[in-house]
């Protein structure tokens, strides 16, 4: 590929929405973006801290992610109104990486995930990611919600235990039931209050989020009344109100190999969630996002942010919709949201040490409920068996085993079921004069072909690939006991043919020719015909035996039959 062609290709794939929006930007748009950006920045504050703590990292890591990744996603992304930052979907995988590989492992895995996202974008996989089966998305989203809820029980109830909470789901709940005698009722009251305010505050005011109101009230109450509950300060110490200098982690091949699976999971989660968020935003705004650019923007953000101590980031549906509802029109609203968070961190970050842990647990309980999609989960249980299997397998693997295993196994299972459905839609039929005589007596069978005696037609409908090898062999066995003089292979309903299909077709032709049966190919689409030429099958049957449609093939076959009869 020449440099000029490469430049054109890159421009087609990577075209950030910011550079398009800025061309027609005006004061009115800025006022709308400024208002929305400030509100979304305030909304993102408690969520960024809560997601970081639940992920097993310092609270400032969530703020750094929301600031740096949020800015870069808006600047380089392909959506006009996408708000990026840490999300609940990453909690499970990030917590697991930190426990098994430490902070350096998380940094490396996030950078690797960013590189994967950039590659996916340049390979134009953005449109394909949107077609990940819905049962998989609901399965692991609901599973993540259950895991998040389970991880917050200790802080929500203020269980005053020194033993670490087990990471395994079942062991975790056994641990909780064994220690419910140590409930801190002040913490429980704060947690319940946070949930109630987060849920019902919207009835009073829809612009100011209930989570922020609950956080402010409970923090002030705890500080003024000197309530004995765990706070961010008592657990993590003072929040550093600065952006740290970039650090470069040590990496070797063994570390790379161990983190490839988690990195792939982060990339897939980030891709799916960001594109789903962008699609929801398109529906609300009447716009069209650039999926491949969005993936590249997400990738850049996840490559840069970890060097400053951040965690994985992606598009956040709730914050994106908050941006839209409050007037956000361009990526500048997302950039303003990041700047607002930076100012809050620099000037008010030290006060975050007084936030009760049970408040953050209450916020995450609400997040888990909103993520659970229990209505969609319940609805999918009424679908066909294959969808139910994919849903339940993905869900239980996420909850009981591991999110990395769940998403990989879920995708594999979905591919297998997809192939099964494709195979079921592909048909290989054998038509000859006897069959057509039966068709003539059936009013619903359509117009029969006028097939001469001594000629049979193999009609393939659907993709001709490795999955239908058995069907092709079964169709071959259905041919009459007396070998026909000519076989027409009708391919006009074959959208593509793979190497296995070509190999099966070649073997079938060679067997037929050894038996003295002549082969005519009919109606192959241009892409399929090109494959037939390149594989040498056209040379095998002879170019004169390749016809554009079935009528020409039948005329050619009739001529050959007449010539054969004259010879006899």
Protein backbone atom coordinates (compact mmCIF):
# COMPACT_ATOMS: atom_id res chain seq x y z
CA UNK A 1 0.00 0.00 0.00
CA UNK A 2 1.42 3.38 -1.02
CA UNK A 3 1.77 6.22 1.51
CA UNK A 4 -0.97 8.26 -0.18
CA UNK A 5 -3.33 5.28 -0.08
CA UNK A 6 -2.43 4.66 3.57
CA UNK A 7 -3.15 8.29 4.38
CA UNK A 8 -6.58 8.09 2.73
CA UNK A 9 -7.34 4.83 4.57
CA UNK A 10 -6.37 6.30 7.96
CA UNK A 11 -8.52 9.35 7.31
CA UNK A 12 -11.49 7.15 6.44
CA UNK A 13 -11.11 5.03 9.57
CA UNK A 14 -9.96 7.68 12.06
CA UNK A 15 -11.98 10.87 11.80
CA UNK A 16 -12.63 12.29 15.31
CA UNK A 17 -15.97 14.00 15.77
CA UNK A 18 -14.31 16.91 17.62
CA UNK A 19 -12.59 18.14 14.43
CA UNK A 20 -15.88 17.96 12.54
CA UNK A 21 -17.87 19.77 15.24
CA UNK A 22 -15.35 22.56 15.72
CA UNK A 23 -15.80 23.73 12.11
CA UNK A 24 -19.31 25.04 12.81
CA UNK A 25 -18.89 25.75 16.52
CA UNK A 26 -20.46 28.91 17.94
CA UNK A 27 -21.25 30.70 21.19
CA UNK A 28 -24.69 29.10 21.56
CA UNK A 29 -23.23 25.60 21.33
CA UNK A 30 -20.55 26.52 23.87
CA UNK A 31 -23.12 27.71 26.40
CA UNK A 32 -25.02 24.41 26.06
CA UNK A 33 -21.82 22.36 26.29
CA UNK A 34 -20.56 24.36 29.29
CA UNK A 35 -23.76 23.80 31.27
CA UNK A 36 -23.89 20.08 30.42
CA UNK A 37 -20.17 19.58 31.07
CA UNK A 38 -20.34 21.10 34.56
CA UNK A 39 -23.35 18.98 35.53
CA UNK A 40 -21.84 15.75 34.16
CA UNK A 41 -18.55 16.50 35.92
CA UNK A 42 -20.39 16.76 39.24
CA UNK A 43 -22.35 13.56 38.48
CA UNK A 44 -19.13 11.70 37.64
CA UNK A 45 -17.36 12.64 40.90
CA UNK A 46 -18.87 10.07 43.31
CA UNK A 47 -19.03 7.40 40.62
CA UNK A 48 -15.34 7.76 39.74
CA UNK A 49 -14.33 7.38 43.38
CA UNK A 50 -16.73 4.50 44.01
CA UNK A 51 -15.67 2.55 40.93
CA UNK A 52 -11.99 2.93 41.83
CA UNK A 53 -12.42 1.71 45.41
CA UNK A 54 -14.61 -1.21 44.33
CA UNK A 55 -11.91 -2.14 41.79
CA UNK A 56 -9.31 -2.44 44.54
CA UNK A 57 -7.31 0.70 43.68
CA UNK A 58 -6.89 4.10 45.33
CA UNK A 59 -9.83 6.53 45.02
CA UNK A 60 -7.73 9.08 43.13
CA UNK A 61 -7.20 6.49 40.37
CA UNK A 62 -10.89 6.79 39.48
CA UNK A 63 -10.67 10.59 39.35
CA UNK A 64 -7.51 10.47 37.22
CA UNK A 65 -9.24 8.07 34.83
CA UNK A 66 -12.33 10.25 34.54
CA UNK A 67 -10.15 13.31 33.90
CA UNK A 68 -7.55 12.00 31.43
CA UNK A 69 -9.52 9.26 29.70
CA UNK A 70 -12.69 11.38 29.72
CA UNK A 71 -10.88 14.20 27.93
CA UNK A 72 -9.13 11.94 25.40
CA UNK A 73 -12.28 9.96 24.56
CA UNK A 74 -14.13 13.18 23.79
CA UNK A 75 -11.18 14.60 21.82
CA UNK A 76 -10.38 11.50 19.72
CA UNK A 77 -13.70 9.61 19.75
CA UNK A 78 -16.31 9.17 17.06
CA UNK A 79 -19.40 10.27 19.01
CA UNK A 80 -20.59 13.83 19.50
CA UNK A 81 -21.82 13.37 23.06
CA UNK A 82 -20.04 10.31 24.48
CA UNK A 83 -18.82 10.71 28.07
CA UNK A 84 -15.93 8.40 28.93
CA UNK A 85 -14.47 7.27 32.22
CA UNK A 86 -14.38 4.33 34.64
CA UNK A 87 -17.55 2.21 34.66
CA UNK A 88 -19.06 -0.58 36.73
CA UNK A 89 -18.44 -3.12 33.97
CA UNK A 90 -14.68 -3.04 34.69
CA UNK A 91 -14.89 -3.51 38.45
CA UNK A 92 -14.78 -7.30 38.38
CA UNK A 93 -11.94 -7.69 35.89
CA UNK A 94 -9.84 -4.84 37.37
CA UNK A 95 -10.21 -6.22 40.91
CA UNK A 96 -9.08 -9.66 39.70
CA UNK A 97 -6.04 -8.27 37.88
CA UNK A 98 -4.97 -6.20 40.90
CA UNK A 99 -5.31 -9.22 43.21
CA UNK A 100 -3.35 -11.54 40.90
CA UNK A 101 -0.85 -9.24 39.18
CA UNK A 102 -0.70 -6.05 41.24
CA UNK A 103 -0.96 -2.45 40.07
CA UNK A 104 1.83 -2.90 37.51
CA UNK A 105 -0.13 -5.79 36.01
CA UNK A 106 -3.22 -3.60 35.75
CA UNK A 107 -1.22 -0.85 34.01
CA UNK A 108 0.21 -3.31 31.48
CA UNK A 109 -3.15 -5.04 30.84
CA UNK A 110 -4.89 -1.69 30.28
CA UNK A 111 -2.23 -0.50 27.83
CA UNK A 112 -2.46 -3.84 25.98
CA UNK A 113 -6.26 -3.47 25.86
CA UNK A 114 -5.83 0.03 24.45
CA UNK A 115 -3.57 -1.29 21.69
CA UNK A 116 -6.11 -4.03 20.89
CA UNK A 117 -8.86 -1.40 20.62
CA UNK A 118 -6.76 0.74 18.26
CA UNK A 119 -6.03 -2.29 16.07
CA UNK A 120 -9.73 -3.24 16.06
CA UNK A 121 -10.59 0.27 14.93
CA UNK A 122 -8.07 0.31 12.09
CA UNK A 123 -9.27 -3.13 10.99
CA UNK A 124 -12.79 -1.66 10.78
CA UNK A 125 -14.22 -4.04 13.36
CA UNK A 126 -16.38 -1.34 14.93
CA UNK A 127 -19.47 -2.35 12.98
CA UNK A 128 -18.95 -6.03 13.83
CA UNK A 129 -18.68 -5.46 17.59
CA UNK A 130 -22.19 -4.07 17.58
CA UNK A 131 -23.45 -7.46 16.47
CA UNK A 132 -22.27 -9.32 19.58
CA UNK A 133 -25.31 -11.43 20.53
CA UNK A 134 -27.68 -9.65 22.89
CA UNK A 135 -27.92 -12.64 25.32
CA UNK A 136 -24.14 -12.40 25.87
CA UNK A 137 -24.33 -8.67 26.61
CA UNK A 138 -27.22 -9.13 29.04
CA UNK A 139 -25.64 -12.24 30.56
CA UNK A 140 -22.34 -10.72 31.54
CA UNK A 141 -23.86 -7.31 32.37
CA UNK A 142 -26.32 -8.93 34.78
CA UNK A 143 -23.54 -11.12 36.14
CA UNK A 144 -21.31 -8.09 36.75
CA UNK A 145 -24.21 -6.40 38.56
CA UNK A 146 -24.57 -9.37 40.92
CA UNK A 147 -20.80 -9.42 41.57
CA UNK A 148 -20.73 -5.65 42.25
CA UNK A 149 -23.65 -5.96 44.66
CA UNK A 150 -21.95 -8.86 46.44
CA UNK A 151 -18.69 -6.95 46.78
CA UNK A 152 -20.40 -4.04 48.58
CA UNK A 153 -22.11 -5.97 51.41
CA UNK A 154 -19.22 -5.56 53.86
CA UNK A 155 -19.10 -1.76 53.53
CA UNK A 156 -22.89 -1.38 53.21
CA UNK A 157 -23.48 -3.16 56.53
CA UNK A 158 -20.25 -1.83 58.05
CA UNK A 159 -19.10 -5.32 59.05
CA UNK A 160 -16.28 -4.70 61.54
CA UNK A 161 -14.11 -7.70 60.69
CA UNK A 162 -10.38 -7.82 60.17
CA UNK A 163 -10.28 -10.95 58.00
CA UNK A 164 -10.17 -10.26 54.26
CA UNK A 165 -13.36 -10.94 52.28
CA UNK A 166 -12.92 -14.01 50.04
CA UNK A 167 -12.85 -13.30 46.31
CA UNK A 168 -14.93 -16.36 45.36
CA UNK A 169 -18.67 -15.58 45.08
CA UNK A 170 -19.94 -18.51 47.15
CA UNK A 171 -17.21 -18.19 49.82
CA UNK A 172 -17.92 -14.47 49.98
CA UNK A 173 -21.57 -14.99 50.93
CA UNK A 174 -20.67 -17.69 53.44
CA UNK A 175 -18.29 -15.16 55.01
CA UNK A 176 -21.02 -12.51 55.15
CA UNK A 177 -23.54 -14.81 56.85
CA UNK A 178 -20.92 -15.83 59.39
CA UNK A 179 -20.18 -12.20 60.31
CA UNK A 180 -23.59 -10.47 60.31
CA UNK A 181 -23.29 -10.25 64.11
CA UNK A 182 -20.74 -7.47 63.55
CA UNK A 183 -23.07 -5.06 61.71
CA UNK A 184 -22.43 -1.35 62.27
CA UNK A 185 -25.96 0.12 62.31
CA UNK A 186 -24.69 3.65 61.70
CA UNK A 187 -23.05 2.43 58.48
CA UNK A 188 -26.17 0.46 57.54
CA UNK A 189 -28.35 3.53 58.10
CA UNK A 190 -26.05 5.66 55.94
CA UNK A 191 -26.10 3.02 53.21
CA UNK A 192 -29.89 2.73 53.21
CA UNK A 193 -30.24 6.53 53.24
CA UNK A 194 -27.88 6.78 50.25
CA UNK A 195 -29.92 4.26 48.27
CA UNK A 196 -33.22 5.99 49.05
CA UNK A 197 -31.93 9.47 48.17
CA UNK A 198 -30.23 8.20 44.98
CA UNK A 199 -33.47 6.58 43.82
CA UNK A 200 -36.08 9.16 44.84
CA UNK A 201 -34.24 12.50 44.59
CA UNK A 202 -35.11 12.78 40.88
CA UNK A 203 -38.72 13.44 41.91
CA UNK A 204 -37.53 16.68 43.53
CA UNK A 205 -34.81 17.77 41.10
CA UNK A 206 -33.73 16.01 37.92
CA UNK A 207 -30.65 18.11 37.17
CA UNK A 208 -28.72 17.57 40.42
CA UNK A 209 -28.05 13.82 40.85
CA UNK A 210 -29.31 12.08 43.96
CA UNK A 211 -25.97 10.34 44.42
CA UNK A 212 -24.23 13.71 44.90
CA UNK A 213 -26.89 14.90 47.39
CA UNK A 214 -26.57 11.67 49.37
CA UNK A 215 -22.77 11.94 49.33
CA UNK A 216 -22.79 15.54 50.59
CA UNK A 217 -25.36 14.93 53.35
CA UNK A 218 -23.79 11.74 54.68
CA UNK A 219 -20.25 13.16 54.53
CA UNK A 220 -21.21 16.32 56.44
CA UNK A 221 -23.25 14.30 58.94
CA UNK A 222 -20.37 11.89 59.58
CA UNK A 223 -17.80 14.67 59.98
CA UNK A 224 -19.94 16.95 62.21
CA UNK A 225 -21.39 14.21 64.44
CA UNK A 226 -18.12 12.25 64.56
CA UNK A 227 -19.90 8.99 63.72
CA UNK A 228 -17.76 5.89 64.07
CA UNK A 229 -17.89 4.49 60.56
CA UNK A 230 -15.17 3.71 58.04
CA UNK A 231 -14.37 6.57 55.66
CA UNK A 232 -12.13 6.91 52.63
CA UNK A 233 -9.55 8.59 54.87
CA UNK A 234 -9.57 5.85 57.53
CA UNK A 235 -9.12 3.14 54.89
CA UNK A 236 -6.97 4.78 52.20
CA UNK A 237 -5.57 7.87 53.85
CA UNK A 238 -5.61 11.34 52.30
CA UNK A 239 -6.47 11.62 48.60
CA UNK A 240 -3.60 13.07 46.58
CA UNK A 241 -4.95 16.18 44.90
CA UNK A 242 -2.50 16.10 41.98
CA UNK A 243 -2.00 14.34 38.68
CA UNK A 244 1.04 12.08 39.25
CA UNK A 245 4.05 11.94 36.97
CA UNK A 246 3.89 9.17 34.36
CA UNK A 247 5.49 5.87 35.32
CA UNK A 248 6.60 3.05 33.03
CA UNK A 249 5.94 -0.47 34.35
CA UNK A 250 8.37 -3.35 33.91
CA UNK A 251 7.17 -5.89 31.36
CA UNK A 252 8.50 -9.23 30.14
CA UNK A 253 7.17 -11.98 27.90
CA UNK A 254 5.80 -14.00 30.82
CA UNK A 255 3.83 -11.01 32.10
CA UNK A 256 2.58 -10.29 28.58
CA UNK A 257 1.41 -13.90 28.16
CA UNK A 258 -0.38 -13.98 31.52
CA UNK A 259 -2.17 -10.69 30.91
CA UNK A 260 -3.23 -11.28 27.31
CA UNK A 261 -6.54 -12.88 28.35
CA UNK A 262 -7.52 -10.11 30.83
CA UNK A 263 -6.42 -7.46 28.30
CA UNK A 264 -8.65 -9.01 25.64
CA UNK A 265 -11.56 -9.00 28.10
CA UNK A 266 -10.99 -5.32 28.93
CA UNK A 267 -10.85 -4.49 25.21
CA UNK A 268 -14.04 -6.41 24.43
CA UNK A 269 -15.91 -4.90 27.38
CA UNK A 270 -14.70 -1.43 26.45
CA UNK A 271 -15.63 -1.88 22.79
CA UNK A 272 -19.09 -3.29 23.49
CA UNK A 273 -20.02 -0.79 26.19
CA UNK A 274 -18.70 2.26 24.34
CA UNK A 275 -20.46 1.36 21.08
CA UNK A 276 -23.70 0.51 22.90
CA UNK A 277 -23.50 3.88 24.64
CA UNK A 278 -22.83 5.63 21.32
CA UNK A 279 -25.80 3.84 19.72
CA UNK A 280 -28.09 4.88 22.60
CA UNK A 281 -26.85 8.46 22.16
CA UNK A 282 -27.55 8.28 18.41
CA UNK A 283 -31.13 7.25 19.16
CA UNK A 284 -31.59 10.16 21.55
CA UNK A 285 -29.85 12.77 19.37
CA UNK A 286 -30.72 11.58 15.86
CA UNK A 287 -27.01 11.47 14.99
CA UNK A 288 -24.68 8.77 13.62
CA UNK A 289 -21.46 7.95 15.45
CA UNK A 290 -18.28 6.71 13.76
CA UNK A 291 -17.74 3.30 15.31
CA UNK A 292 -14.18 2.66 14.13
CA UNK A 293 -13.05 6.13 15.19
CA UNK A 294 -14.74 5.54 18.55
CA UNK A 295 -12.73 2.35 19.07
CA UNK A 296 -9.48 4.12 18.21
CA UNK A 297 -10.35 7.00 20.56
CA UNK A 298 -11.12 4.53 23.36
CA UNK A 299 -7.85 2.76 22.61
CA UNK A 300 -5.77 5.96 22.79
CA UNK A 301 -7.38 6.85 26.13
CA UNK A 302 -6.60 3.42 27.58
CA UNK A 303 -3.01 3.54 26.34
CA UNK A 304 -2.28 6.96 27.88
CA UNK A 305 -4.27 6.90 31.14
CA UNK A 306 -2.50 3.96 32.89
CA UNK A 307 0.86 5.76 32.79
CA UNK A 308 -0.65 8.32 35.20
CA UNK A 309 -2.18 5.74 37.53
CA UNK A 310 -5.56 5.41 35.87
CA UNK A 311 -7.70 2.33 35.29
CA UNK A 312 -9.60 1.10 32.20
CA UNK A 313 -12.15 3.49 30.75
CA UNK A 314 -14.98 3.32 28.26
CA UNK A 315 -18.15 5.16 27.26
CA UNK A 316 -20.60 5.46 30.16
CA UNK A 317 -24.26 5.22 29.15
CA UNK A 318 -25.71 6.95 32.25
CA UNK A 319 -23.29 9.90 32.08
CA UNK A 320 -23.71 10.16 28.30
CA UNK A 321 -27.48 10.38 28.69
CA UNK A 322 -27.04 12.96 31.48
CA UNK A 323 -24.94 14.98 29.06
CA UNK A 324 -27.67 14.80 26.39
CA UNK A 325 -30.49 15.66 28.81
CA UNK A 326 -28.62 18.73 30.02
CA UNK A 327 -27.92 20.13 26.56
CA UNK A 328 -24.57 18.64 25.53
CA UNK A 329 -24.17 18.96 21.77
CA UNK A 330 -20.50 18.36 20.89
CA UNK A 331 -17.40 16.60 22.27
CA UNK A 332 -16.45 19.84 24.01
CA UNK A 333 -19.06 19.04 26.70
CA UNK A 334 -17.11 15.86 27.53
CA UNK A 335 -13.84 17.80 27.63
CA UNK A 336 -15.40 20.38 29.99
CA UNK A 337 -16.62 17.54 32.25
CA UNK A 338 -13.00 16.36 32.54
CA UNK A 339 -11.76 19.87 33.35
CA UNK A 340 -14.46 20.29 36.02
CA UNK A 341 -13.35 17.03 37.65
CA UNK A 342 -9.73 18.20 37.56
CA UNK A 343 -10.65 21.45 39.35
CA UNK A 344 -12.67 19.57 41.96
CA UNK A 345 -9.77 17.18 42.55
CA UNK A 346 -7.21 20.00 42.87
CA UNK A 347 -9.22 22.28 45.16
CA UNK A 348 -11.61 19.99 47.03
CA UNK A 349 -9.94 16.58 46.82
CA UNK A 350 -8.79 16.57 50.46
CA UNK A 351 -12.40 16.69 51.67
CA UNK A 352 -13.12 13.37 49.94
CA UNK A 353 -11.30 11.64 52.82
CA UNK A 354 -14.43 12.21 54.98
CA UNK A 355 -16.77 10.30 52.63
CA UNK A 356 -18.17 7.20 54.42
CA UNK A 357 -17.44 3.87 52.78
CA UNK A 358 -21.09 2.88 53.30
CA UNK A 359 -22.13 5.88 51.18
CA UNK A 360 -20.03 4.64 48.28
CA UNK A 361 -21.40 1.14 48.86
CA UNK A 362 -24.96 2.53 48.66
CA UNK A 363 -24.13 4.31 45.39
CA UNK A 364 -22.74 1.08 43.92
CA UNK A 365 -25.80 -0.89 45.05
CA UNK A 366 -27.90 1.51 42.95
CA UNK A 367 -25.42 1.18 40.07
CA UNK A 368 -25.64 -2.61 40.32
CA UNK A 369 -29.44 -2.50 40.21
CA UNK A 370 -29.41 -0.25 37.14
CA UNK A 371 -26.85 -2.52 35.46
CA UNK A 372 -28.74 -5.72 36.23
CA UNK A 373 -31.20 -5.37 33.33
CA UNK A 374 -33.42 -7.85 35.14
CA UNK A 375 -36.37 -7.07 32.88
CA UNK A 376 -34.32 -7.90 29.78
CA UNK A 377 -32.95 -10.99 31.54
CA UNK A 378 -36.47 -12.16 32.39
CA UNK A 379 -37.66 -11.49 28.82
CA UNK A 380 -34.78 -13.45 27.26
CA UNK A 381 -35.70 -16.51 29.33
CA UNK A 382 -38.82 -16.75 27.13
CA UNK A 383 -36.76 -16.87 23.91
CA UNK A 384 -35.54 -19.96 22.06
CA UNK A 385 -33.40 -22.50 23.90
CA UNK A 386 -30.10 -21.46 22.31
CA UNK A 387 -30.49 -17.84 23.48
CA UNK A 388 -31.40 -19.03 26.98
CA UNK A 389 -28.33 -21.31 27.09
CA UNK A 390 -25.99 -18.47 26.02
CA UNK A 391 -27.61 -16.11 28.54
CA UNK A 392 -27.40 -18.47 31.52
CA UNK A 393 -23.93 -19.82 30.73
CA UNK A 394 -22.51 -16.30 30.39
CA UNK A 395 -24.30 -15.14 33.54
CA UNK A 396 -23.24 -18.03 35.79
CA UNK A 397 -19.66 -18.10 34.50
CA UNK A 398 -19.40 -14.35 35.23
CA UNK A 399 -20.74 -14.77 38.77
CA UNK A 400 -19.24 -18.11 39.80
CA UNK A 401 -15.98 -18.38 37.84
CA UNK A 402 -14.50 -15.32 36.16
CA UNK A 403 -15.48 -12.58 33.72
CA UNK A 404 -12.57 -13.40 31.39
CA UNK A 405 -13.73 -17.00 31.10
CA UNK A 406 -17.37 -15.89 30.76
CA UNK A 407 -16.88 -13.51 27.87
CA UNK A 408 -14.57 -15.88 25.96
CA UNK A 409 -16.78 -18.93 26.50
CA UNK A 410 -19.92 -16.92 25.80
CA UNK A 411 -18.53 -15.68 22.47
CA UNK A 412 -17.41 -19.20 21.55
CA UNK A 413 -20.82 -20.63 22.40
CA UNK A 414 -22.55 -17.90 20.41
CA UNK A 415 -20.35 -18.62 17.37
CA UNK A 416 -21.15 -22.34 17.61
CA UNK A 417 -24.89 -21.66 17.83
CA UNK A 418 -24.63 -19.17 14.96
CA UNK A 419 -22.94 -21.77 12.79
CA UNK A 420 -25.64 -24.26 13.76
CA UNK A 421 -28.32 -21.83 12.59
CA UNK A 422 -26.47 -21.10 9.34
CA UNK A 423 -26.14 -24.82 8.68
CA UNK A 424 -29.86 -25.24 9.29
CA UNK A 425 -30.63 -22.53 6.71
CA UNK A 426 -28.34 -24.08 4.08
CA UNK A 427 -29.94 -26.73 1.91
CA UNK A 428 -28.64 -29.08 -0.77
CA UNK A 429 -31.38 -30.49 -3.01
CA UNK A 430 -31.16 -32.95 -5.89
CA UNK A 431 -33.62 -32.41 -8.75
CA UNK A 432 -34.16 -34.69 -11.72
CA UNK A 433 -37.00 -35.47 -14.10
CA UNK A 434 -38.81 -37.76 -11.62
CA UNK A 435 -38.73 -35.13 -8.88
CA UNK A 436 -39.96 -32.44 -11.27
CA UNK A 437 -42.90 -34.62 -12.32
CA UNK A 438 -43.96 -34.68 -8.66
CA UNK A 439 -43.52 -30.89 -8.42
CA UNK A 440 -45.89 -30.39 -11.37
CA UNK A 441 -48.69 -31.93 -9.33
CA UNK A 442 -48.08 -29.62 -6.36
CA UNK A 443 -49.69 -26.20 -6.75
CA UNK A 444 -47.55 -24.66 -3.97
CA UNK A 445 -44.20 -25.86 -5.32
CA UNK A 446 -43.69 -23.08 -7.89
CA UNK A 447 -42.70 -23.46 -11.52
CA UNK A 448 -40.72 -26.69 -12.09
CA UNK A 449 -37.56 -26.79 -14.19
CA UNK A 450 -37.70 -28.59 -17.52
CA UNK A 451 -34.96 -31.12 -16.75
CA UNK A 452 -34.10 -33.51 -19.63
CA UNK A 453 -33.87 -37.22 -19.00
CA UNK A 454 -30.38 -38.25 -17.95
CA UNK A 455 -29.72 -34.89 -16.23
CA UNK A 456 -29.82 -34.08 -12.49
CA UNK A 457 -29.50 -30.71 -10.78
CA UNK A 458 -27.67 -30.21 -7.48
CA UNK A 459 -29.20 -27.02 -6.05
CA UNK A 460 -27.26 -25.46 -3.15
CA UNK A 461 -29.05 -22.73 -1.18
CA UNK A 462 -27.02 -20.84 1.42
CA UNK A 463 -23.32 -20.54 2.33
CA UNK A 464 -21.22 -23.45 1.03
CA UNK A 465 -18.69 -23.88 3.84
CA UNK A 466 -17.20 -26.51 6.12
CA UNK A 467 -20.42 -26.83 8.13
CA UNK A 468 -22.47 -28.39 5.29
CA UNK A 469 -20.05 -31.11 4.20
CA UNK A 470 -22.36 -33.80 5.57
CA UNK A 471 -25.38 -32.31 3.80
CA UNK A 472 -23.54 -32.40 0.50
CA UNK A 473 -22.62 -36.06 0.98
CA UNK A 474 -26.21 -36.94 1.95
CA UNK A 475 -27.51 -35.21 -1.19
CA UNK A 476 -25.04 -37.16 -3.30
CA UNK A 477 -26.40 -40.42 -1.86
CA UNK A 478 -29.94 -39.37 -2.83
CA UNK A 479 -29.13 -39.49 -6.55
CA UNK A 480 -30.83 -42.26 -8.51
CA UNK A 481 -29.30 -45.67 -8.67
CA UNK A 482 -28.45 -45.09 -12.30
CA UNK A 483 -25.82 -42.42 -12.66
CA UNK A 484 -27.07 -39.47 -14.78
CA UNK A 485 -25.18 -38.51 -17.89
CA UNK A 486 -24.93 -34.86 -16.76
CA UNK A 487 -24.99 -33.14 -13.35
CA UNK A 488 -25.73 -29.41 -13.14
CA UNK A 489 -24.49 -27.79 -9.95
CA UNK A 490 -26.68 -24.73 -9.38
CA UNK A 491 -24.88 -22.08 -7.30
CA UNK A 492 -26.92 -18.90 -7.74
CA UNK A 493 -28.13 -19.00 -4.09
CA UNK A 494 -24.62 -19.44 -2.67
CA UNK A 495 -23.37 -16.11 -1.23
CA UNK A 496 -19.87 -17.41 -0.47
CA UNK A 497 -17.80 -20.59 -0.58
CA UNK A 498 -14.82 -21.35 1.68
CA UNK A 499 -11.78 -23.58 1.13
CA UNK A 500 -13.55 -26.63 2.60
CA UNK A 501 -16.51 -26.07 0.28
CA UNK A 502 -14.16 -25.75 -2.68
CA UNK A 503 -12.37 -28.95 -1.67
CA UNK A 504 -15.68 -30.86 -1.30
CA UNK A 505 -16.87 -29.52 -4.64
CA UNK A 506 -13.63 -30.54 -6.37
CA UNK A 507 -13.78 -34.06 -4.87
CA UNK A 508 -17.42 -34.41 -5.98
CA UNK A 509 -16.58 -33.29 -9.53
CA UNK A 510 -13.63 -35.67 -9.75
CA UNK A 511 -15.75 -38.61 -8.53
CA UNK A 512 -18.45 -37.75 -11.05
CA UNK A 513 -15.99 -37.46 -13.93
CA UNK A 514 -14.43 -40.83 -13.06
CA UNK A 515 -17.94 -42.31 -13.32
CA UNK A 516 -18.35 -40.74 -16.76
CA UNK A 517 -20.70 -37.99 -15.55
CA UNK A 518 -20.25 -34.54 -17.06
CA UNK A 519 -20.47 -31.49 -14.74
CA UNK A 520 -22.02 -28.10 -15.58
CA UNK A 521 -21.74 -25.16 -13.16
CA UNK A 522 -24.66 -22.74 -13.17
CA UNK A 523 -25.38 -19.23 -11.89
CA UNK A 524 -22.38 -18.63 -9.62
CA UNK A 525 -22.23 -15.09 -8.24
CA UNK A 526 -19.18 -13.03 -9.21
CA UNK A 527 -17.31 -13.54 -5.89
CA UNK A 528 -18.02 -17.29 -5.90
CA UNK A 529 -17.06 -17.58 -9.58
CA UNK A 530 -13.76 -15.85 -8.83
CA UNK A 531 -13.07 -18.45 -6.11
CA UNK A 532 -13.92 -21.25 -8.57
CA UNK A 533 -11.46 -19.82 -11.11
CA UNK A 534 -8.64 -19.33 -8.59
CA UNK A 535 -9.08 -22.84 -7.16
CA UNK A 536 -8.86 -24.41 -10.64
CA UNK A 537 -12.40 -25.84 -10.57
CA UNK A 538 -13.40 -23.96 -13.73
CA UNK A 539 -10.43 -25.50 -15.55
CA UNK A 540 -11.43 -28.89 -14.16
CA UNK A 541 -14.96 -28.77 -15.64
CA UNK A 542 -14.02 -26.71 -18.70
CA UNK A 543 -14.95 -23.10 -19.28
CA UNK A 544 -17.60 -24.14 -21.84
CA UNK A 545 -19.43 -25.94 -18.99
CA UNK A 546 -19.84 -22.81 -16.86
CA UNK A 547 -23.18 -21.06 -17.50
CA UNK A 548 -24.56 -17.79 -16.19
CA UNK A 549 -28.00 -19.14 -15.29
CA UNK A 550 -29.99 -22.36 -15.01
CA UNK A 551 -31.83 -21.97 -18.33
CA UNK A 552 -28.55 -21.70 -20.26
CA UNK A 553 -27.24 -24.68 -18.27
CA UNK A 554 -30.33 -26.76 -19.14
CA UNK A 555 -30.07 -25.82 -22.85
CA UNK A 556 -26.40 -26.78 -22.83
CA UNK A 557 -27.24 -30.07 -21.06
CA UNK A 558 -30.06 -30.79 -23.55
CA UNK A 559 -27.64 -30.27 -26.46
CA UNK A 560 -25.12 -32.64 -24.89
CA UNK A 561 -27.83 -35.27 -24.29
CA UNK A 562 -28.98 -35.02 -27.92
CA UNK A 563 -25.39 -35.38 -29.14
CA UNK A 564 -24.98 -38.44 -26.91
CA UNK A 565 -28.20 -39.98 -28.29
CA UNK A 566 -27.06 -39.38 -31.89
CA UNK A 567 -23.76 -41.09 -31.18
CA UNK A 568 -25.61 -44.10 -29.75
